Amino acid sequence: MFKIDPASNRINPLEVKRFSDLGFTERKHLQEWLENYPQALSQGDGDELLIIQKEFDGFDDTRERLDLLAIDKDGNLVIIENKLDDSGRDVVWQALKYASYCANLKKQQVVEIFQRYLNQKAQNEGTAPADAESMLLEFLQADDLQSVQLNTLKSQRLILVAAHYRKEVTNTVLWLSQFGVNCQCFKVTPYQAGTELFLNVEQIIPTPEASDFMIGMMAKEAEEKTASNEQRLSHRLRLAFWEQALDAFSQSSCSLYNNISPGKDHWLSAGSGISGMVFSLIFGKSEIRVEFSMARAQPEANRFVFDRLAEKKEQIEAEFGDELVWLPLPDRKACRIQYGKPVDGYEKANWPEMIQWLIEHMTRMEQALSGPLESIRQELKAVNAQNQSVM
């Protein structure tokens, strides 16, 4: 790895170091880094991790501790084992033991484990603890806990982190992958250039190419599995609800959803004229909601639009006719502005009233945001034009 010196138009090699030579330790440093930035172990969009516990020792009949416990976007538990400069011989065996222990955790136990982690973190920081269930639903983009597929059979993942892997470890990991065990090896290498320190995090098993193939095969297998009764019921209900809702919207003054097809998700989105930012209808078991979501891949773009709208909060809420919920979501990529109503969503007799509520409030939201969004759209065009002229 090299450091670029633009002034001299040269590259200078970085010096490879050992963690121990730099005074870094597994628990106080590497574990702390990954706990606070799990994106280092993510391999692209949709592969985010949410840390739900560290130094977890809540297993029956043993006091062994796993380094970090996380959950991915599919609701799978992820066991993360860190070994600093050398993987050792037994890291795979340790991770497999922890995965077997975690495989028995029920949904509510996972929530309780996460809540204990949040409580401890808040105590250390002197703040009020966040609600574990709400954070999980937000991360999983789920409507309610009952419908979430969490820590299902044979879904546990293993992530090993070390600067150097012994051959017996890599051979075992590759062999396990043939049996559907999802195990990744990340090589972490510290570098030094003068007083500056750098860390390279690289997935070495499976390689990115092999990872894409394995993900494709797992997705195919998941499609072929029979969905649970509750999932099938939810999908049928959502499809039926959206069919009725879209029919009613087509006869209203709100034209946002005229070219949108019904689906099985709990949300339905329509474009706003700004890329990556949509007007969404939310249909849940206990709530319906209208919202404007800013979900570009670049968090700074979402925050830019959110801040511009927040500057006109009073004007927007006056036009809408009520107070809105403003969610900058600083720990997430997306931002939202929303307004909801509690309902008994799965009672079909309530649907006509719910649909009329959605039509009325989405119409009001679109009208309230149309002026400010047009100004922001023009501002973004000017910025893009300026950037292109500079290039």
Protein backbone atom coordinates (compact mmCIF):
# COMPACT_ATOMS: atom_id res chain seq x y z
CA MET A 1 0.00 0.00 0.00
CA PHE A 2 1.26 3.47 -0.91
CA LYS A 3 0.54 7.01 0.20
CA ILE A 4 0.09 9.56 -2.59
CA ASP A 5 2.00 12.84 -2.31
CA PRO A 6 0.24 15.23 -4.73
CA ALA A 7 2.80 18.00 -4.14
CA SER A 8 5.71 15.91 -5.42
CA ASN A 9 3.57 13.72 -7.66
CA ARG A 10 5.09 10.62 -6.07
CA ILE A 11 3.92 7.62 -4.12
CA ASN A 12 5.58 6.47 -0.92
CA PRO A 13 5.27 2.97 0.53
CA LEU A 14 3.55 2.58 3.86
CA GLU A 15 5.31 0.48 6.47
CA VAL A 16 3.49 -2.71 7.44
CA LYS A 17 3.29 -3.05 11.21
CA ARG A 18 2.14 -5.57 13.79
CA PHE A 19 -0.64 -4.57 16.15
CA SER A 20 1.48 -5.63 19.11
CA ASP A 21 4.40 -3.45 17.94
CA LEU A 22 2.07 -0.44 17.97
CA GLY A 23 0.74 -1.27 21.42
CA PHE A 24 -2.73 -2.19 20.19
CA THR A 25 -4.65 -5.01 21.86
CA GLU A 26 -7.53 -7.20 20.76
CA ARG A 27 -10.14 -6.09 23.29
CA LYS A 28 -9.24 -2.44 23.89
CA HIS A 29 -8.56 -1.54 20.29
CA LEU A 30 -9.56 -3.87 17.43
CA GLN A 31 -12.78 -4.92 19.14
CA GLU A 32 -13.59 -1.30 20.00
CA TRP A 33 -12.98 -0.16 16.41
CA LEU A 34 -15.26 -2.80 14.94
CA GLU A 35 -17.94 -2.26 17.57
CA ASN A 36 -18.17 1.42 16.68
CA TYR A 37 -17.69 0.99 12.92
CA PRO A 38 -19.08 -2.42 11.85
CA GLN A 39 -19.33 -1.09 8.28
CA ALA A 40 -15.65 -2.08 8.02
CA LEU A 41 -16.90 -5.67 7.76
CA SER A 42 -19.61 -4.84 5.20
CA GLN A 43 -19.07 -5.68 1.57
CA GLY A 44 -21.37 -3.20 -0.16
CA ASP A 45 -24.98 -1.98 0.03
CA GLY A 46 -27.40 -4.26 1.83
CA ASP A 47 -24.63 -5.93 3.86
CA GLU A 48 -24.88 -3.66 6.90
CA LEU A 49 -24.34 -5.00 10.41
CA LEU A 50 -25.86 -3.84 13.68
CA ILE A 51 -23.83 -4.66 16.80
CA ILE A 52 -26.16 -5.99 19.51
CA GLN A 53 -23.68 -7.14 22.18
CA LYS A 54 -19.97 -7.39 22.99
CA GLU A 55 -18.10 -9.78 25.27
CA PHE A 56 -21.31 -11.81 25.34
CA ASP A 57 -21.29 -14.57 27.93
CA GLY A 58 -25.00 -15.30 28.32
CA PHE A 59 -24.82 -18.98 27.40
CA ASP A 60 -26.16 -21.78 29.58
CA ASP A 61 -23.61 -24.06 31.29
CA THR A 62 -20.57 -22.09 30.06
CA ARG A 63 -18.97 -18.72 30.77
CA GLU A 64 -17.21 -18.43 27.43
CA ARG A 65 -17.36 -15.01 25.80
CA LEU A 66 -17.73 -14.21 22.13
CA ASP A 67 -16.13 -10.93 21.04
CA LEU A 68 -18.97 -9.24 19.15
CA LEU A 69 -22.51 -10.29 18.32
CA ALA A 70 -24.28 -8.58 15.44
CA ILE A 71 -27.35 -8.92 13.25
CA ASP A 72 -27.53 -8.43 9.50
CA LYS A 73 -30.28 -7.01 7.30
CA ASP A 74 -31.81 -10.47 6.84
CA GLY A 75 -32.21 -11.00 10.59
CA ASN A 76 -29.29 -13.45 10.84
CA LEU A 77 -27.09 -13.42 13.91
CA VAL A 78 -23.42 -12.75 13.12
CA ILE A 79 -20.67 -14.06 15.43
CA ILE A 80 -17.51 -11.93 15.14
CA GLU A 81 -14.23 -13.29 16.52
CA ASN A 82 -11.10 -11.11 16.60
CA LYS A 83 -7.57 -12.55 16.91
CA LEU A 84 -5.29 -9.56 16.22
CA ASP A 85 -1.87 -10.54 14.78
CA ASP A 86 -2.40 -14.31 14.53
CA SER A 87 -5.60 -16.26 14.04
CA GLY A 88 -4.40 -19.18 16.16
CA ARG A 89 -5.44 -22.74 15.43
CA ASP A 90 -8.75 -22.85 17.28
CA VAL A 91 -10.57 -19.72 16.10
CA VAL A 92 -12.95 -21.65 13.80
CA TRP A 93 -13.80 -24.09 16.58
CA GLN A 94 -14.50 -21.19 18.94
CA ALA A 95 -16.74 -19.44 16.42
CA LEU A 96 -18.64 -22.65 15.67
CA LYS A 97 -19.25 -23.21 19.38
CA TYR A 98 -20.61 -19.70 19.79
CA ALA A 99 -22.79 -20.10 16.69
CA SER A 100 -24.25 -23.32 18.13
CA TYR A 101 -25.01 -21.53 21.40
CA CYS A 102 -26.60 -18.58 19.57
CA ALA A 103 -28.68 -20.88 17.35
CA ASN A 104 -30.94 -21.55 20.35
CA LEU A 105 -31.70 -17.90 21.04
CA LYS A 106 -35.35 -17.00 20.56
CA LYS A 107 -36.54 -13.73 19.09
CA GLN A 108 -37.36 -12.14 22.44
CA GLN A 109 -34.03 -13.25 23.88
CA VAL A 110 -32.22 -11.47 21.03
CA VAL A 111 -34.17 -8.28 21.82
CA GLU A 112 -33.30 -8.60 25.52
CA ILE A 113 -29.61 -9.15 24.74
CA PHE A 114 -29.61 -6.03 22.57
CA GLN A 115 -31.44 -4.03 25.25
CA ARG A 116 -28.84 -4.98 27.88
CA TYR A 117 -26.13 -3.81 25.50
CA LEU A 118 -27.90 -0.48 24.92
CA ASN A 119 -28.48 -0.04 28.65
CA GLN A 120 -24.79 -0.60 29.42
CA LYS A 121 -23.72 1.71 26.61
CA ALA A 122 -26.06 4.46 27.82
CA GLN A 123 -24.81 4.05 31.38
CA ASN A 124 -21.21 4.43 30.22
CA GLU A 125 -22.10 7.54 28.21
CA GLY A 126 -24.44 9.03 30.83
CA THR A 127 -27.41 9.11 28.43
CA ALA A 128 -30.87 7.57 28.29
CA PRO A 129 -30.87 4.08 26.69
CA ALA A 130 -32.45 3.59 23.28
CA ASP A 131 -35.25 1.05 22.79
CA ALA A 132 -33.88 -2.22 21.38
CA GLU A 133 -37.06 -3.35 19.67
CA SER A 134 -37.54 -0.02 17.89
CA MET A 135 -33.92 0.01 16.72
CA LEU A 136 -34.18 -3.56 15.42
CA LEU A 137 -37.37 -2.82 13.48
CA GLU A 138 -35.79 0.32 12.04
CA PHE A 139 -32.63 -1.56 11.03
CA LEU A 140 -34.57 -4.49 9.54
CA GLN A 141 -37.11 -2.13 7.93
CA ALA A 142 -39.86 -4.23 9.44
CA ASP A 143 -43.36 -3.34 10.52
CA ASP A 144 -43.60 -5.31 13.75
CA LEU A 145 -41.54 -7.85 15.64
CA GLN A 146 -44.03 -10.66 15.13
CA SER A 147 -43.54 -10.66 11.37
CA VAL A 148 -39.72 -10.53 11.53
CA GLN A 149 -37.70 -13.62 10.64
CA LEU A 150 -34.97 -13.46 13.28
CA ASN A 151 -32.20 -16.01 13.95
CA THR A 152 -33.91 -18.74 11.94
CA LEU A 153 -32.63 -22.30 11.62
CA LYS A 154 -29.14 -22.62 10.07
CA SER A 155 -28.91 -18.86 9.48
CA GLN A 156 -26.02 -17.98 11.80
CA ARG A 157 -22.99 -16.32 10.19
CA LEU A 158 -19.35 -16.33 11.26
CA ILE A 159 -16.86 -13.51 10.73
CA LEU A 160 -13.20 -14.03 11.66
CA VAL A 161 -10.83 -11.07 11.90
CA ALA A 162 -7.04 -11.34 12.11
CA ALA A 163 -3.85 -9.95 10.60
CA HIS A 164 -2.55 -13.43 9.72
CA TYR A 165 -4.40 -16.71 9.10
CA ARG A 166 -2.91 -20.14 9.61
CA LYS A 167 -3.43 -22.61 6.80
CA GLU A 168 -5.46 -24.98 8.98
CA VAL A 169 -7.92 -22.11 9.61
CA THR A 170 -8.40 -21.11 5.97
CA ASN A 171 -8.68 -24.75 4.85
CA THR A 172 -11.36 -25.41 7.47
CA VAL A 173 -13.33 -22.29 6.51
CA LEU A 174 -13.29 -23.24 2.82
CA TRP A 175 -14.38 -26.78 3.69
CA LEU A 176 -17.26 -25.51 5.87
CA SER A 177 -18.50 -23.32 3.02
CA GLN A 178 -19.28 -26.47 1.03
CA PHE A 179 -21.87 -27.32 3.68
CA GLY A 180 -23.58 -23.94 3.61
CA VAL A 181 -21.82 -22.49 6.67
CA ASN A 182 -21.55 -18.76 6.01
CA CYS A 183 -18.05 -17.90 7.23
CA GLN A 184 -15.97 -14.88 6.19
CA CYS A 185 -12.32 -14.15 6.93
CA PHE A 186 -11.18 -10.52 7.06
CA LYS A 187 -7.49 -9.68 7.02
CA VAL A 188 -6.68 -6.51 8.98
CA THR A 189 -3.31 -4.89 8.40
CA PRO A 190 -1.99 -1.80 10.23
CA TYR A 191 0.28 0.58 8.31
CA GLN A 192 2.40 3.50 9.44
CA ALA A 193 3.69 6.57 7.63
CA GLY A 194 5.58 8.82 10.01
CA THR A 195 3.19 9.55 12.88
CA GLU A 196 0.12 8.59 10.84
CA LEU A 197 -1.48 5.16 11.25
CA PHE A 198 -3.74 3.40 8.74
CA LEU A 199 -5.81 0.23 8.81
CA ASN A 200 -6.63 -1.91 5.79
CA VAL A 201 -9.60 -4.29 6.12
CA GLU A 202 -9.86 -6.85 3.33
CA GLN A 203 -12.16 -9.84 2.91
CA ILE A 204 -9.98 -12.76 1.81
CA ILE A 205 -12.45 -15.66 2.21
CA PRO A 206 -14.59 -15.92 0.26
CA THR A 207 -13.15 -13.68 -2.44
CA PRO A 208 -15.59 -11.02 -3.71
CA GLU A 209 -16.25 -13.09 -6.84
CA ALA A 210 -16.94 -16.26 -4.87
CA SER A 211 -19.01 -14.26 -2.38
CA ASP A 212 -21.32 -13.00 -5.15
CA PHE A 213 -21.79 -16.57 -6.38
CA MET A 214 -22.56 -17.87 -2.88
CA ILE A 215 -25.00 -15.05 -2.22
CA GLY A 216 -26.76 -15.87 -5.47
CA MET A 217 -27.03 -19.53 -4.54
CA MET A 218 -28.34 -18.73 -1.07
CA ALA A 219 -30.90 -16.34 -2.55
CA LYS A 220 -32.07 -19.05 -4.94
CA GLU A 221 -32.36 -21.51 -2.07
CA ALA A 222 -34.31 -18.97 -0.02
CA GLU A 223 -36.75 -18.47 -2.90
CA GLU A 224 -37.38 -22.18 -3.09
CA LYS A 225 -38.12 -22.52 0.63
CA THR A 226 -41.72 -22.54 1.68
CA ALA A 227 -42.66 -19.29 3.41
CA SER A 228 -44.18 -19.45 6.85
CA ASN A 229 -47.96 -19.22 7.24
CA GLU A 230 -47.68 -15.77 8.76
CA GLN A 231 -45.55 -14.51 5.91
CA ARG A 232 -47.99 -15.83 3.35
CA LEU A 233 -50.89 -14.21 5.20
CA SER A 234 -49.04 -10.89 5.43
CA HIS A 235 -48.17 -10.96 1.74
CA ARG A 236 -51.74 -11.74 0.70
CA LEU A 237 -53.14 -9.03 2.96
CA ARG A 238 -50.69 -6.41 1.75
CA LEU A 239 -51.28 -7.23 -1.90
CA ALA A 240 -55.05 -7.01 -1.42
CA PHE A 241 -54.78 -3.76 0.53
CA TRP A 242 -52.54 -2.07 -2.04
CA GLU A 243 -54.84 -3.15 -4.87
CA GLN A 244 -57.76 -1.41 -3.14
CA ALA A 245 -55.64 1.60 -2.17
CA LEU A 246 -54.25 2.15 -5.67
CA ASP A 247 -57.72 1.90 -7.15
CA ALA A 248 -58.92 4.59 -4.74
CA PHE A 249 -55.85 6.77 -5.39
CA SER A 250 -56.47 6.58 -9.15
CA GLN A 251 -59.86 8.21 -8.57
CA SER A 252 -58.46 10.94 -6.32
CA SER A 253 -56.64 14.20 -7.02
CA CYS A 254 -53.33 12.64 -5.90
CA SER A 255 -51.59 11.28 -9.00
CA LEU A 256 -48.36 10.15 -7.35
CA TYR A 257 -49.23 6.44 -7.56
CA ASN A 258 -50.94 6.31 -10.95
CA ASN A 259 -48.12 4.22 -12.46
CA ILE A 260 -47.31 2.16 -9.37
CA SER A 261 -48.15 -1.55 -9.13
CA PRO A 262 -49.30 -3.26 -5.91
CA GLY A 263 -46.74 -5.37 -4.07
CA LYS A 264 -46.31 -7.55 -1.02
CA ASP A 265 -44.19 -5.12 1.03
CA HIS A 266 -45.61 -3.02 3.84
CA TRP A 267 -44.64 0.13 1.92
CA LEU A 268 -45.44 1.63 -1.47
CA SER A 269 -43.27 4.43 -2.86
CA ALA A 270 -43.53 7.02 -5.63
CA GLY A 271 -40.90 9.41 -6.97
CA SER A 272 -40.65 13.03 -5.90
CA GLY A 273 -38.66 14.35 -8.84
CA ILE A 274 -35.41 14.14 -6.86
CA SER A 275 -33.40 10.97 -7.30
CA GLY A 276 -33.45 8.64 -4.28
CA MET A 277 -36.17 10.60 -2.48
CA VAL A 278 -39.69 9.23 -2.44
CA PHE A 279 -43.19 9.68 -1.05
CA SER A 280 -44.14 6.46 0.74
CA LEU A 281 -47.36 4.94 2.01
CA ILE A 282 -46.92 2.58 4.97
CA PHE A 283 -49.43 -0.18 5.78
CA GLY A 284 -48.80 -2.01 9.02
CA LYS A 285 -50.60 -4.25 11.42
CA SER A 286 -50.90 -1.48 14.00
CA GLU A 287 -50.19 1.72 12.06
CA ILE A 288 -50.63 3.44 8.72
CA ARG A 289 -48.31 6.26 7.75
CA VAL A 290 -47.41 8.75 5.06
CA GLU A 291 -43.80 9.81 4.77
CA PHE A 292 -41.20 11.53 2.66
CA SER A 293 -37.99 9.49 2.65
CA MET A 294 -34.55 10.79 1.71
CA ALA A 295 -32.59 7.60 0.96
CA ARG A 296 -29.78 8.30 -1.46
CA ALA A 297 -26.62 6.23 -1.20
CA GLN A 298 -24.78 9.39 -0.09
CA PRO A 299 -25.81 10.31 3.49
CA GLU A 300 -24.64 13.90 3.02
CA ALA A 301 -27.14 14.41 0.17
CA ASN A 302 -30.00 13.15 2.34
CA ARG A 303 -28.99 15.40 5.22
CA PHE A 304 -28.66 18.38 2.86
CA VAL A 305 -32.26 18.02 1.67
CA PHE A 306 -33.52 17.27 5.19
CA ASP A 307 -31.85 20.40 6.59
CA ARG A 308 -33.23 22.56 3.80
CA LEU A 309 -36.76 21.28 4.52
CA ALA A 310 -36.27 21.69 8.27
CA GLU A 311 -35.51 25.37 7.71
CA LYS A 312 -39.11 25.67 6.45
CA LYS A 313 -40.62 23.41 9.09
CA GLU A 314 -43.23 25.90 10.32
CA GLN A 315 -44.36 26.71 6.78
CA ILE A 316 -44.55 23.02 5.81
CA GLU A 317 -46.50 21.97 8.92
CA ALA A 318 -48.88 24.92 8.53
CA GLU A 319 -49.56 23.83 4.95
CA PHE A 320 -49.92 20.18 6.01
CA GLY A 321 -52.26 21.12 8.86
CA ASP A 322 -50.53 19.29 11.69
CA GLU A 323 -47.16 18.62 13.32
CA LEU A 324 -44.99 16.14 11.45
CA VAL A 325 -42.37 13.77 12.83
CA TRP A 326 -38.89 14.82 11.64
CA LEU A 327 -36.31 12.04 11.72
CA PRO A 328 -32.75 13.06 10.75
CA LEU A 329 -31.59 9.53 11.77
CA PRO A 330 -27.94 10.56 12.30
CA ASP A 331 -26.80 6.94 12.74
CA ARG A 332 -28.44 5.82 9.49
CA LYS A 333 -28.04 6.74 5.85
CA ALA A 334 -31.65 7.83 5.32
CA CYS A 335 -33.73 10.70 6.73
CA ARG A 336 -37.54 10.85 6.97
CA ILE A 337 -40.48 13.16 7.55
CA GLN A 338 -43.62 11.24 8.51
CA TYR A 339 -47.12 11.30 9.92
CA GLY A 340 -48.95 8.21 11.20
CA LYS A 341 -52.13 6.90 12.72
CA PRO A 342 -52.67 3.81 14.93
CA VAL A 343 -55.04 1.26 13.37
CA ASP A 344 -56.09 -2.37 13.40
CA GLY A 345 -54.57 -2.82 9.97
CA TYR A 346 -55.32 -6.48 9.38
CA GLU A 347 -59.05 -6.01 9.95
CA LYS A 348 -60.36 -5.67 6.40
CA ALA A 349 -63.49 -3.82 7.54
CA ASN A 350 -61.20 -0.89 8.47
CA TRP A 351 -59.56 -0.67 5.07
CA PRO A 352 -61.88 1.85 3.34
CA GLU A 353 -61.44 4.36 6.17
CA MET A 354 -57.67 3.73 6.28
CA ILE A 355 -57.33 4.21 2.52
CA GLN A 356 -59.22 7.51 2.63
CA TRP A 357 -56.94 8.64 5.44
CA LEU A 358 -53.86 7.79 3.35
CA ILE A 359 -55.23 9.64 0.32
CA GLU A 360 -56.08 12.74 2.35
CA HIS A 361 -52.77 12.93 4.19
CA MET A 362 -50.52 12.02 1.27
CA THR A 363 -52.27 14.72 -0.77
CA ARG A 364 -51.60 17.21 2.02
CA MET A 365 -47.97 16.07 2.38
CA GLU A 366 -47.27 16.34 -1.33
CA GLN A 367 -48.79 19.84 -1.43
CA ALA A 368 -46.89 20.96 1.66
CA LEU A 369 -43.54 19.77 0.29
CA SER A 370 -43.99 20.61 -3.40
CA GLY A 371 -42.81 24.23 -3.13
CA PRO A 372 -39.78 23.62 -0.91
CA LEU A 373 -38.78 20.55 -2.95
CA GLU A 374 -38.91 22.54 -6.18
CA SER A 375 -36.52 25.12 -4.68
CA ILE A 376 -34.21 22.34 -3.49
CA ARG A 377 -34.38 20.66 -6.91
CA GLN A 378 -33.24 23.88 -8.59
CA GLU A 379 -30.50 24.32 -6.01
CA LEU A 380 -29.24 20.78 -6.64
CA LYS A 381 -29.26 21.41 -10.42
CA ALA A 382 -27.17 24.53 -9.91
CA VAL A 383 -24.67 22.67 -7.74
CA ASN A 384 -24.40 19.84 -10.28
CA ALA A 385 -23.95 22.30 -13.14
CA GLN A 386 -21.24 24.11 -11.21
CA ASN A 387 -19.42 20.83 -10.48
CA GLN A 388 -19.57 19.82 -14.15
CA SER A 389 -18.19 23.18 -15.27
CA VAL A 390 -15.29 22.82 -12.85
CA MET A 391 -14.57 19.33 -14.18
